[in-house]
Amino acid sequence: MAKTATVRARVEPQLKERAEEVLSELGLNPTAAITLYYEQIVKRHGIPFPVSLPNATTRKAMRDAEEGRNVTRASNLDDLFEQLDSDE
C-alpha cells in the first residue's frame, strides 16, 4: 500500500533532536518509528506502553532523589552493590 497520509506534530526541538539520535542508533528514521508506533497501537488496541501517574510513594521517592535525600552514591557498580548489600 502506498504511503500517502501525513502525520504532523509539534515537539520541542531538543526532544526531536535527542529522539532522532536514538532512532538513528537503532537504524530507524522518524517515519519508520511512527509507523511502528501506529502498528502497535492497532495491534494492541491502545498505546503500547503503560500510561499512568506515579502514586504517592513513587512521587515521594522522586522528590527525595531530586533533593538528594535517601540517595546512595557510588563511584562504580561494584561499590554500589557493596553499599546496598551492607545495608541489609
N, C-alpha and C. Protein backbone atom coordinates (compact mmCIF):
# COMPACT_ATOMS: atom_id res chain seq x y z
N MET A 1 0.84 -1.17 0.00
CA MET A 1 0.00 0.00 0.00
C MET A 1 0.90 1.24 0.00
N ALA A 2 0.55 2.22 -0.78
CA ALA A 2 1.34 3.45 -0.89
C ALA A 2 1.18 4.29 0.37
N LYS A 3 2.28 4.88 0.79
CA LYS A 3 2.25 5.77 1.96
C LYS A 3 1.91 7.17 1.46
N THR A 4 0.67 7.57 1.66
CA THR A 4 0.25 8.89 1.17
C THR A 4 -0.32 9.78 2.27
N ALA A 5 -0.58 9.23 3.46
CA ALA A 5 -1.13 10.03 4.56
C ALA A 5 0.02 10.75 5.28
N THR A 6 -0.30 11.91 5.82
CA THR A 6 0.70 12.71 6.53
C THR A 6 0.29 12.86 7.98
N VAL A 7 1.27 12.73 8.87
CA VAL A 7 1.07 12.97 10.29
C VAL A 7 1.96 14.15 10.66
N ARG A 8 1.38 15.14 11.32
CA ARG A 8 2.17 16.32 11.73
C ARG A 8 2.03 16.51 13.23
N ALA A 9 3.13 16.84 13.85
CA ALA A 9 3.12 17.10 15.29
C ALA A 9 4.19 18.12 15.61
N ARG A 10 3.93 18.95 16.60
CA ARG A 10 4.92 19.92 17.05
C ARG A 10 5.52 19.40 18.36
N VAL A 11 6.85 19.36 18.41
CA VAL A 11 7.56 18.95 19.62
C VAL A 11 8.70 19.92 19.86
N GLU A 12 9.24 19.91 21.06
CA GLU A 12 10.37 20.77 21.37
C GLU A 12 11.57 20.35 20.51
N PRO A 13 12.30 21.30 19.95
CA PRO A 13 13.43 20.97 19.08
C PRO A 13 14.46 20.05 19.74
N GLN A 14 14.75 20.28 21.03
CA GLN A 14 15.75 19.44 21.70
C GLN A 14 15.25 18.00 21.83
N LEU A 15 13.97 17.83 22.10
CA LEU A 15 13.39 16.50 22.20
C LEU A 15 13.48 15.79 20.86
N LYS A 16 13.13 16.49 19.80
CA LYS A 16 13.20 15.93 18.45
C LYS A 16 14.62 15.48 18.13
N GLU A 17 15.59 16.33 18.42
CA GLU A 17 16.99 16.02 18.12
C GLU A 17 17.46 14.80 18.90
N ARG A 18 17.16 14.77 20.20
CA ARG A 18 17.60 13.65 21.03
C ARG A 18 16.93 12.34 20.60
N ALA A 19 15.64 12.42 20.30
CA ALA A 19 14.92 11.21 19.87
C ALA A 19 15.47 10.70 18.54
N GLU A 20 15.75 11.61 17.62
CA GLU A 20 16.25 11.19 16.31
C GLU A 20 17.66 10.62 16.41
N GLU A 21 18.45 11.06 17.40
CA GLU A 21 19.76 10.45 17.62
C GLU A 21 19.61 8.99 18.04
N VAL A 22 18.67 8.74 18.93
CA VAL A 22 18.42 7.37 19.38
C VAL A 22 17.90 6.53 18.22
N LEU A 23 16.94 7.08 17.48
CA LEU A 23 16.40 6.35 16.34
C LEU A 23 17.50 6.01 15.34
N SER A 24 18.40 6.93 15.10
CA SER A 24 19.49 6.70 14.17
C SER A 24 20.36 5.53 14.65
N GLU A 25 20.63 5.49 15.95
CA GLU A 25 21.41 4.38 16.50
C GLU A 25 20.69 3.05 16.31
N LEU A 26 19.37 3.10 16.28
CA LEU A 26 18.57 1.90 16.08
C LEU A 26 18.38 1.57 14.60
N GLY A 27 18.89 2.45 13.74
CA GLY A 27 18.74 2.24 12.30
C GLY A 27 17.36 2.62 11.78
N LEU A 28 16.69 3.50 12.51
CA LEU A 28 15.34 3.93 12.12
C LEU A 28 15.32 5.42 11.82
N ASN A 29 14.43 5.81 10.93
CA ASN A 29 14.16 7.23 10.72
C ASN A 29 12.84 7.55 11.41
N PRO A 30 12.48 8.81 11.57
CA PRO A 30 11.24 9.15 12.26
C PRO A 30 9.99 8.52 11.62
N THR A 31 9.95 8.46 10.30
CA THR A 31 8.79 7.86 9.64
C THR A 31 8.63 6.40 10.02
N ALA A 32 9.74 5.66 10.02
CA ALA A 32 9.68 4.24 10.39
C ALA A 32 9.25 4.08 11.85
N ALA A 33 9.76 4.94 12.72
CA ALA A 33 9.41 4.85 14.14
C ALA A 33 7.93 5.14 14.35
N ILE A 34 7.41 6.16 13.69
CA ILE A 34 5.99 6.49 13.83
C ILE A 34 5.14 5.36 13.27
N THR A 35 5.56 4.78 12.16
CA THR A 35 4.83 3.65 11.58
C THR A 35 4.80 2.48 12.55
N LEU A 36 5.94 2.17 13.17
CA LEU A 36 5.99 1.09 14.17
C LEU A 36 5.04 1.38 15.33
N TYR A 37 5.05 2.62 15.78
CA TYR A 37 4.19 3.03 16.89
C TYR A 37 2.72 2.85 16.51
N TYR A 38 2.33 3.34 15.35
CA TYR A 38 0.96 3.21 14.90
C TYR A 38 0.56 1.74 14.74
N GLU A 39 1.47 0.91 14.21
CA GLU A 39 1.17 -0.51 14.05
C GLU A 39 0.90 -1.16 15.40
N GLN A 40 1.68 -0.79 16.41
CA GLN A 40 1.47 -1.34 17.75
C GLN A 40 0.16 -0.85 18.37
N ILE A 41 -0.20 0.39 18.11
CA ILE A 41 -1.49 0.90 18.60
C ILE A 41 -2.62 0.06 18.04
N VAL A 42 -2.56 -0.23 16.74
CA VAL A 42 -3.60 -1.02 16.10
C VAL A 42 -3.62 -2.44 16.66
N LYS A 43 -2.45 -3.08 16.79
CA LYS A 43 -2.39 -4.45 17.27
C LYS A 43 -2.85 -4.58 18.72
N ARG A 44 -2.53 -3.60 19.55
CA ARG A 44 -2.86 -3.67 20.97
C ARG A 44 -4.16 -2.97 21.33
N HIS A 45 -4.73 -2.29 20.36
CA HIS A 45 -5.96 -1.51 20.60
C HIS A 45 -5.74 -0.49 21.71
N GLY A 46 -4.58 0.12 21.71
CA GLY A 46 -4.25 1.13 22.70
C GLY A 46 -2.79 1.50 22.60
N ILE A 47 -2.36 2.39 23.46
CA ILE A 47 -0.97 2.81 23.48
C ILE A 47 -0.13 1.62 23.94
N PRO A 48 0.99 1.33 23.27
CA PRO A 48 1.75 0.12 23.56
C PRO A 48 2.68 0.17 24.76
N PHE A 49 2.38 1.02 25.71
CA PHE A 49 3.14 1.07 26.95
C PHE A 49 2.23 1.67 28.01
N PRO A 50 2.50 1.37 29.28
CA PRO A 50 1.62 1.89 30.33
C PRO A 50 1.70 3.41 30.43
N VAL A 51 0.57 4.04 30.57
CA VAL A 51 0.50 5.48 30.77
C VAL A 51 -0.27 5.70 32.06
N SER A 52 0.46 6.15 33.09
CA SER A 52 -0.19 6.37 34.37
C SER A 52 0.58 7.42 35.15
N LEU A 53 -0.08 7.97 36.12
CA LEU A 53 0.56 8.93 37.01
C LEU A 53 1.21 8.16 38.15
N PRO A 54 2.37 8.62 38.62
CA PRO A 54 3.02 7.92 39.73
C PRO A 54 2.18 8.03 41.01
N ASN A 55 2.21 6.96 41.81
CA ASN A 55 1.45 7.00 43.07
C ASN A 55 2.22 7.83 44.10
N ALA A 56 1.65 7.98 45.27
CA ALA A 56 2.25 8.85 46.31
C ALA A 56 3.64 8.38 46.71
N THR A 57 3.84 7.09 46.83
CA THR A 57 5.15 6.55 47.22
C THR A 57 6.21 6.88 46.17
N THR A 58 5.84 6.70 44.91
CA THR A 58 6.77 7.00 43.82
C THR A 58 7.05 8.49 43.74
N ARG A 59 6.02 9.32 43.91
CA ARG A 59 6.24 10.78 43.88
C ARG A 59 7.19 11.21 44.99
N LYS A 60 7.03 10.63 46.19
CA LYS A 60 7.92 10.96 47.30
C LYS A 60 9.35 10.54 46.97
N ALA A 61 9.53 9.33 46.42
CA ALA A 61 10.87 8.85 46.07
C ALA A 61 11.50 9.75 45.01
N MET A 62 10.70 10.21 44.07
CA MET A 62 11.21 11.10 43.02
C MET A 62 11.65 12.43 43.62
N ARG A 63 10.83 12.98 44.55
CA ARG A 63 11.20 14.25 45.21
C ARG A 63 12.48 14.06 46.02
N ASP A 64 12.54 12.95 46.76
CA ASP A 64 13.74 12.68 47.57
C ASP A 64 14.97 12.62 46.68
N ALA A 65 14.88 11.91 45.57
CA ALA A 65 16.02 11.77 44.67
C ALA A 65 16.43 13.13 44.10
N GLU A 66 15.45 13.92 43.70
CA GLU A 66 15.75 15.25 43.14
C GLU A 66 16.44 16.14 44.17
N GLU A 67 16.06 15.97 45.44
CA GLU A 67 16.62 16.81 46.50
C GLU A 67 17.81 16.15 47.20
N GLY A 68 18.21 14.97 46.74
CA GLY A 68 19.39 14.30 47.29
C GLY A 68 19.18 13.60 48.61
N ARG A 69 17.93 13.36 49.00
CA ARG A 69 17.63 12.66 50.26
C ARG A 69 17.53 11.17 50.01
N ASN A 70 18.03 10.38 50.94
CA ASN A 70 17.94 8.91 50.87
C ASN A 70 18.49 8.37 49.56
N VAL A 71 19.59 8.95 49.11
CA VAL A 71 20.22 8.55 47.85
C VAL A 71 21.53 7.85 48.16
N THR A 72 21.76 6.72 47.53
CA THR A 72 23.03 6.00 47.66
C THR A 72 23.90 6.38 46.48
N ARG A 73 25.09 6.89 46.77
CA ARG A 73 26.02 7.28 45.70
C ARG A 73 27.19 6.31 45.69
N ALA A 74 27.65 6.00 44.47
CA ALA A 74 28.79 5.09 44.33
C ALA A 74 29.60 5.50 43.12
N SER A 75 30.89 5.18 43.17
CA SER A 75 31.76 5.55 42.05
C SER A 75 31.70 4.52 40.92
N ASN A 76 31.22 3.31 41.24
CA ASN A 76 31.08 2.29 40.20
C ASN A 76 30.05 1.26 40.66
N LEU A 77 29.72 0.34 39.78
CA LEU A 77 28.68 -0.63 40.05
C LEU A 77 29.04 -1.56 41.22
N ASP A 78 30.29 -2.00 41.27
CA ASP A 78 30.70 -2.88 42.37
C ASP A 78 30.54 -2.18 43.72
N ASP A 79 30.94 -0.91 43.78
CA ASP A 79 30.81 -0.13 45.00
C ASP A 79 29.33 0.02 45.39
N LEU A 80 28.49 0.24 44.41
CA LEU A 80 27.06 0.38 44.67
C LEU A 80 26.50 -0.90 45.29
N PHE A 81 26.78 -2.05 44.67
CA PHE A 81 26.27 -3.31 45.19
C PHE A 81 26.81 -3.59 46.59
N GLU A 82 28.05 -3.25 46.82
CA GLU A 82 28.64 -3.46 48.15
C GLU A 82 27.89 -2.62 49.19
N GLN A 83 27.61 -1.36 48.85
CA GLN A 83 26.87 -0.50 49.77
C GLN A 83 25.46 -1.02 50.00
N LEU A 84 24.80 -1.43 48.94
CA LEU A 84 23.42 -1.91 49.07
C LEU A 84 23.37 -3.21 49.88
N ASP A 85 24.34 -4.10 49.67
CA ASP A 85 24.37 -5.36 50.41
C ASP A 85 24.66 -5.12 51.90
N SER A 86 25.47 -4.11 52.22
CA SER A 86 25.83 -3.86 53.61
C SER A 86 24.67 -3.24 54.38
N ASP A 87 23.69 -2.69 53.69
CA ASP A 87 22.53 -2.08 54.36
C ASP A 87 21.53 -3.13 54.85
N GLU A 88 21.68 -4.35 54.42
CA GLU A 88 20.70 -5.39 54.78
C GLU A 88 20.82 -5.80 56.17
